[in-house]
Amino acid sequence: MAGRFAAASILCYLIFLAPLLCRIAGLESRDAGYLLLIAALPALSSAITSSLIVGRDLCFAPPIIGWVAAFASNQVSDWLLAIASEAYFTWQFLLALVLAPLLSMGFSRLAKPRGISEAAIYVGESEAVEEPSAVEAEVELITCPYCGGGIPAGSIYCPLCGGRIREE
């Protein structure tokens, strides 16, 4: 029941967002027909949705929750747009817009080692990868009497088959 209640509340919220979406799309009008449409259509749609999903018990609650959430979304979006319009049209923001790429280029130059080409860096990495194989070649290998695999000489158990090679 809680899952259906939550689903109905979310759907009612989305239905009640229709006026906000119309406003964002520029379809806003002040005539009575439009105002009736944006009031009646979401109310009817959310009531039908809630009664079909939730049933009889709490079918009145999701439209209320959806309406409150949509109203709060509208108020928060207006508040954020007012703050954003103040912040984005100042000389400080334009200065930050110019400084950000310049600082990025400066930091990338500081991070790159000087006097070493990229090819030399890659050669050094490939040599570092080859070193462990040279160390592995120095390890003395013996043959496991159970599976015949090559194992390090100091092994107590064979890492390949698990057989006991020697006492601890």
C-alpha atoms as a PDB file:
ATOM      1  CA  MET A   1       0.000   0.000   0.000  1.00  0.00           C
ATOM      2  CA  ALA A   2       2.843   2.417   0.812  1.00  0.00           C
ATOM      3  CA  GLY A   3       4.403   1.899  -2.625  1.00  0.00           C
ATOM      4  CA  ARG A   4       1.137   2.654  -4.392  1.00  0.00           C
ATOM      5  CA  PHE A   5       0.599   5.701  -2.175  1.00  0.00           C
ATOM      6  CA  ALA A   6       4.080   7.014  -3.000  1.00  0.00           C
ATOM      7  CA  ALA A   7       3.592   6.341  -6.721  1.00  0.00           C
ATOM      8  CA  ALA A   8       0.250   8.191  -6.702  1.00  0.00           C
ATOM      9  CA  SER A   9       1.813  11.130  -4.843  1.00  0.00           C
ATOM     10  CA  ILE A  10       4.653  11.364  -7.367  1.00  0.00           C
ATOM     11  CA  LEU A  11       2.233  11.207 -10.299  1.00  0.00           C
ATOM     12  CA  CYS A  12       0.059  13.897  -8.725  1.00  0.00           C
ATOM     13  CA  TYR A  13       3.138  16.051  -8.239  1.00  0.00           C
ATOM     14  CA  LEU A  14       4.043  15.647 -11.914  1.00  0.00           C
ATOM     15  CA  ILE A  15       0.480  16.483 -12.950  1.00  0.00           C
ATOM     16  CA  PHE A  16       0.465  19.622 -10.821  1.00  0.00           C
ATOM     17  CA  LEU A  17       3.737  20.701 -12.457  1.00  0.00           C
ATOM     18  CA  ALA A  18       1.801  21.348 -15.695  1.00  0.00           C
ATOM     19  CA  PRO A  19       1.245  25.071 -14.942  1.00  0.00           C
ATOM     20  CA  LEU A  20       4.944  25.513 -14.165  1.00  0.00           C
ATOM     21  CA  LEU A  21       5.911  23.736 -17.387  1.00  0.00           C
ATOM     22  CA  CYS A  22       3.465  25.902 -19.362  1.00  0.00           C
ATOM     23  CA  ARG A  23       5.024  28.978 -17.798  1.00  0.00           C
ATOM     24  CA  ILE A  24       8.540  27.816 -18.663  1.00  0.00           C
ATOM     25  CA  ALA A  25       7.473  27.020 -22.235  1.00  0.00           C
ATOM     26  CA  GLY A  26       6.002  30.521 -22.571  1.00  0.00           C
ATOM     27  CA  LEU A  27       2.395  29.351 -22.812  1.00  0.00           C
ATOM     28  CA  GLU A  28       1.272  31.508 -19.905  1.00  0.00           C
ATOM     29  CA  SER A  29      -1.791  33.690 -20.230  1.00  0.00           C
ATOM     30  CA  ARG A  30      -3.919  35.730 -17.839  1.00  0.00           C
ATOM     31  CA  ASP A  31      -7.367  35.072 -19.364  1.00  0.00           C
ATOM     32  CA  ALA A  32     -10.015  33.182 -17.388  1.00  0.00           C
ATOM     33  CA  GLY A  33     -10.108  30.170 -19.715  1.00  0.00           C
ATOM     34  CA  TYR A  34      -6.394  29.503 -19.289  1.00  0.00           C
ATOM     35  CA  LEU A  35      -6.536  29.936 -15.522  1.00  0.00           C
ATOM     36  CA  LEU A  36      -9.499  27.552 -15.317  1.00  0.00           C
ATOM     37  CA  LEU A  37      -7.668  25.044 -17.512  1.00  0.00           C
ATOM     38  CA  ILE A  38      -4.493  25.034 -15.420  1.00  0.00           C
ATOM     39  CA  ALA A  39      -6.559  24.682 -12.241  1.00  0.00           C
ATOM     40  CA  ALA A  40      -9.211  22.193 -13.356  1.00  0.00           C
ATOM     41  CA  LEU A  41      -7.162  19.861 -15.538  1.00  0.00           C
ATOM     42  CA  PRO A  42      -4.470  19.037 -12.942  1.00  0.00           C
ATOM     43  CA  ALA A  43      -7.108  18.708 -10.199  1.00  0.00           C
ATOM     44  CA  LEU A  44      -9.220  16.311 -12.256  1.00  0.00           C
ATOM     45  CA  SER A  45      -6.216  14.328 -13.523  1.00  0.00           C
ATOM     46  CA  SER A  46      -4.669  13.950 -10.068  1.00  0.00           C
ATOM     47  CA  ALA A  47      -8.000  12.931  -8.505  1.00  0.00           C
ATOM     48  CA  ILE A  48      -8.535  10.225 -11.130  1.00  0.00           C
ATOM     49  CA  THR A  49      -4.941   9.011 -10.867  1.00  0.00           C
ATOM     50  CA  SER A  50      -5.042   8.858  -7.083  1.00  0.00           C
ATOM     51  CA  SER A  51      -8.366   7.035  -6.917  1.00  0.00           C
ATOM     52  CA  LEU A  52      -7.230   4.457  -9.491  1.00  0.00           C
ATOM     53  CA  ILE A  53      -3.835   3.769  -7.895  1.00  0.00           C
ATOM     54  CA  VAL A  54      -4.491   4.093  -4.165  1.00  0.00           C
ATOM     55  CA  GLY A  55      -8.111   2.989  -3.932  1.00  0.00           C
ATOM     56  CA  ARG A  56     -10.570   4.138  -1.303  1.00  0.00           C
ATOM     57  CA  ASP A  57      -8.599   4.519   1.907  1.00  0.00           C
ATOM     58  CA  LEU A  58      -6.243   7.441   1.409  1.00  0.00           C
ATOM     59  CA  CYS A  59      -6.993   8.539  -2.153  1.00  0.00           C
ATOM     60  CA  PHE A  60      -7.448  12.170  -1.039  1.00  0.00           C
ATOM     61  CA  ALA A  61      -3.867  12.533   0.269  1.00  0.00           C
ATOM     62  CA  PRO A  62      -1.731  12.163  -2.917  1.00  0.00           C
ATOM     63  CA  PRO A  63      -3.368  15.146  -4.677  1.00  0.00           C
ATOM     64  CA  ILE A  64      -2.714  17.282  -1.596  1.00  0.00           C
ATOM     65  CA  ILE A  65       0.900  16.085  -1.390  1.00  0.00           C
ATOM     66  CA  GLY A  66       1.368  16.592  -5.140  1.00  0.00           C
ATOM     67  CA  TRP A  67      -0.092  20.097  -5.046  1.00  0.00           C
ATOM     68  CA  VAL A  68       2.068  21.151  -2.071  1.00  0.00           C
ATOM     69  CA  ALA A  69       5.208  19.741  -3.692  1.00  0.00           C
ATOM     70  CA  ALA A  70       4.438  21.430  -7.031  1.00  0.00           C
ATOM     71  CA  PHE A  71       3.712  24.738  -5.303  1.00  0.00           C
ATOM     72  CA  ALA A  72       6.970  24.465  -3.363  1.00  0.00           C
ATOM     73  CA  SER A  73       8.857  23.638  -6.593  1.00  0.00           C
ATOM     74  CA  ASN A  74       7.413  26.724  -8.226  1.00  0.00           C
ATOM     75  CA  GLN A  75       8.402  28.948  -5.301  1.00  0.00           C
ATOM     76  CA  VAL A  76      11.920  27.487  -5.107  1.00  0.00           C
ATOM     77  CA  SER A  77      12.416  27.871  -8.874  1.00  0.00           C
ATOM     78  CA  ASP A  78      11.346  31.523  -8.692  1.00  0.00           C
ATOM     79  CA  TRP A  79      13.709  32.074  -5.757  1.00  0.00           C
ATOM     80  CA  LEU A  80      16.624  30.320  -7.502  1.00  0.00           C
ATOM     81  CA  LEU A  81      16.023  32.212 -10.758  1.00  0.00           C
ATOM     82  CA  ALA A  82      16.041  35.502  -8.877  1.00  0.00           C
ATOM     83  CA  ILE A  83      19.330  34.586  -7.192  1.00  0.00           C
ATOM     84  CA  ALA A  84      20.809  33.262 -10.437  1.00  0.00           C
ATOM     85  CA  SER A  85      19.949  36.363 -12.406  1.00  0.00           C
ATOM     86  CA  GLU A  86      21.709  38.468  -9.777  1.00  0.00           C
ATOM     87  CA  ALA A  87      24.805  36.256  -9.711  1.00  0.00           C
ATOM     88  CA  TYR A  88      25.317  35.626 -13.429  1.00  0.00           C
ATOM     89  CA  PHE A  89      25.192  39.239 -14.570  1.00  0.00           C
ATOM     90  CA  THR A  90      27.903  40.701 -12.389  1.00  0.00           C
ATOM     91  CA  TRP A  91      31.471  41.640 -13.293  1.00  0.00           C
ATOM     92  CA  GLN A  92      32.791  39.091 -10.772  1.00  0.00           C
ATOM     93  CA  PHE A  93      31.132  36.223 -12.627  1.00  0.00           C
ATOM     94  CA  LEU A  94      32.477  37.452 -15.963  1.00  0.00           C
ATOM     95  CA  LEU A  95      35.945  37.705 -14.429  1.00  0.00           C
ATOM     96  CA  ALA A  96      35.624  34.114 -13.165  1.00  0.00           C
ATOM     97  CA  LEU A  97      34.549  33.039 -16.650  1.00  0.00           C
ATOM     98  CA  VAL A  98      37.756  34.491 -18.119  1.00  0.00           C
ATOM     99  CA  LEU A  99      40.063  33.330 -15.301  1.00  0.00           C
ATOM    100  CA  ALA A 100      38.901  29.699 -15.175  1.00  0.00           C
ATOM    101  CA  PRO A 101      40.387  28.558 -18.527  1.00  0.00           C
ATOM    102  CA  LEU A 102      43.592  30.543 -17.916  1.00  0.00           C
ATOM    103  CA  LEU A 103      44.075  28.980 -14.493  1.00  0.00           C
ATOM    104  CA  SER A 104      43.339  25.548 -15.933  1.00  0.00           C
ATOM    105  CA  MET A 105      46.078  25.939 -18.547  1.00  0.00           C
ATOM    106  CA  GLY A 106      48.487  27.187 -15.879  1.00  0.00           C
ATOM    107  CA  PHE A 107      47.821  24.244 -13.567  1.00  0.00           C
ATOM    108  CA  SER A 108      48.233  21.750 -16.399  1.00  0.00           C
ATOM    109  CA  ARG A 109      51.655  23.230 -17.207  1.00  0.00           C
ATOM    110  CA  LEU A 110      52.712  23.060 -13.574  1.00  0.00           C
ATOM    111  CA  ALA A 111      51.689  19.409 -13.332  1.00  0.00           C
ATOM    112  CA  LYS A 112      53.704  18.373 -16.421  1.00  0.00           C
ATOM    113  CA  PRO A 113      57.422  17.691 -15.719  1.00  0.00           C
ATOM    114  CA  ARG A 114      59.752  20.067 -17.567  1.00  0.00           C
ATOM    115  CA  GLY A 115      62.474  18.866 -19.925  1.00  0.00           C
ATOM    116  CA  ILE A 116      61.002  15.388 -20.333  1.00  0.00           C
ATOM    117  CA  SER A 117      59.096  14.566 -23.467  1.00  0.00           C
ATOM    118  CA  GLU A 118      55.920  12.490 -23.351  1.00  0.00           C
ATOM    119  CA  ALA A 119      57.717   9.708 -25.271  1.00  0.00           C
ATOM    120  CA  ALA A 120      60.330   9.504 -22.515  1.00  0.00           C
ATOM    121  CA  ILE A 121      57.612   9.264 -19.888  1.00  0.00           C
ATOM    122  CA  TYR A 122      56.026   6.324 -21.723  1.00  0.00           C
ATOM    123  CA  VAL A 123      59.411   4.606 -22.138  1.00  0.00           C
ATOM    124  CA  GLY A 124      59.996   4.920 -18.404  1.00  0.00           C
ATOM    125  CA  GLU A 125      56.590   3.367 -17.725  1.00  0.00           C
ATOM    126  CA  SER A 126      57.253   0.441 -20.050  1.00  0.00           C
ATOM    127  CA  GLU A 127      60.620  -0.206 -18.395  1.00  0.00           C
ATOM    128  CA  ALA A 128      58.952  -0.143 -15.001  1.00  0.00           C
ATOM    129  CA  VAL A 129      56.517  -2.786 -16.207  1.00  0.00           C
ATOM    130  CA  GLU A 130      59.356  -4.999 -17.434  1.00  0.00           C
ATOM    131  CA  GLU A 131      61.280  -4.905 -14.109  1.00  0.00           C
ATOM    132  CA  PRO A 132      58.985  -7.277 -12.187  1.00  0.00           C
ATOM    133  CA  SER A 133      59.472  -9.955 -14.853  1.00  0.00           C
ATOM    134  CA  ALA A 134      63.251  -9.691 -14.312  1.00  0.00           C
ATOM    135  CA  VAL A 135      62.724 -10.194 -10.577  1.00  0.00           C
ATOM    136  CA  GLU A 136      60.510 -13.188 -11.258  1.00  0.00           C
ATOM    137  CA  ALA A 137      63.225 -14.749 -13.414  1.00  0.00           C
ATOM    138  CA  GLU A 138      65.622 -14.682 -10.422  1.00  0.00           C
ATOM    139  CA  VAL A 139      63.262 -16.827  -8.277  1.00  0.00           C
ATOM    140  CA  GLU A 140      64.349 -20.455  -8.243  1.00  0.00           C
ATOM    141  CA  LEU A 141      61.586 -22.788  -9.400  1.00  0.00           C
ATOM    142  CA  ILE A 142      61.080 -26.435  -8.533  1.00  0.00           C
ATOM    143  CA  THR A 143      58.647 -28.936  -9.973  1.00  0.00           C
ATOM    144  CA  CYS A 144      55.597 -29.906  -7.922  1.00  0.00           C
ATOM    145  CA  PRO A 145      55.553 -33.696  -7.411  1.00  0.00           C
ATOM    146  CA  TYR A 146      51.720 -33.739  -7.579  1.00  0.00           C
ATOM    147  CA  CYS A 147      50.819 -31.564 -10.589  1.00  0.00           C
ATOM    148  CA  GLY A 148      54.198 -31.046 -12.280  1.00  0.00           C
ATOM    149  CA  GLY A 149      53.887 -27.256 -12.300  1.00  0.00           C
ATOM    150  CA  GLY A 150      56.767 -24.856 -11.684  1.00  0.00           C
ATOM    151  CA  ILE A 151      56.566 -23.369  -8.185  1.00  0.00           C
ATOM    152  CA  PRO A 152      58.905 -21.237  -6.042  1.00  0.00           C
ATOM    153  CA  ALA A 153      61.529 -23.327  -4.218  1.00  0.00           C
ATOM    154  CA  GLY A 154      60.562 -22.141  -0.726  1.00  0.00           C
ATOM    155  CA  SER A 155      56.890 -23.126  -1.055  1.00  0.00           C
ATOM    156  CA  ILE A 156      55.276 -25.259   1.636  1.00  0.00           C
ATOM    157  CA  TYR A 157      52.144 -25.851  -0.443  1.00  0.00           C
ATOM    158  CA  CYS A 158      51.825 -25.848  -4.225  1.00  0.00           C
ATOM    159  CA  PRO A 159      49.986 -22.664  -5.278  1.00  0.00           C
ATOM    160  CA  LEU A 160      48.614 -24.518  -8.309  1.00  0.00           C
ATOM    161  CA  CYS A 161      47.170 -27.717  -6.862  1.00  0.00           C
ATOM    162  CA  GLY A 162      47.427 -27.187  -3.082  1.00  0.00           C
ATOM    163  CA  GLY A 163      49.568 -30.260  -2.453  1.00  0.00           C
ATOM    164  CA  ARG A 164      51.931 -30.199   0.546  1.00  0.00           C
ATOM    165  CA  ILE A 165      55.521 -29.900  -0.715  1.00  0.00           C
ATOM    166  CA  ARG A 166      57.438 -29.857   2.612  1.00  0.00           C
ATOM    167  CA  GLU A 167      56.926 -29.513   6.357  1.00  0.00           C
ATOM    168  CA  GLU A 168      56.848 -26.051   7.965  1.00  0.00           C
END
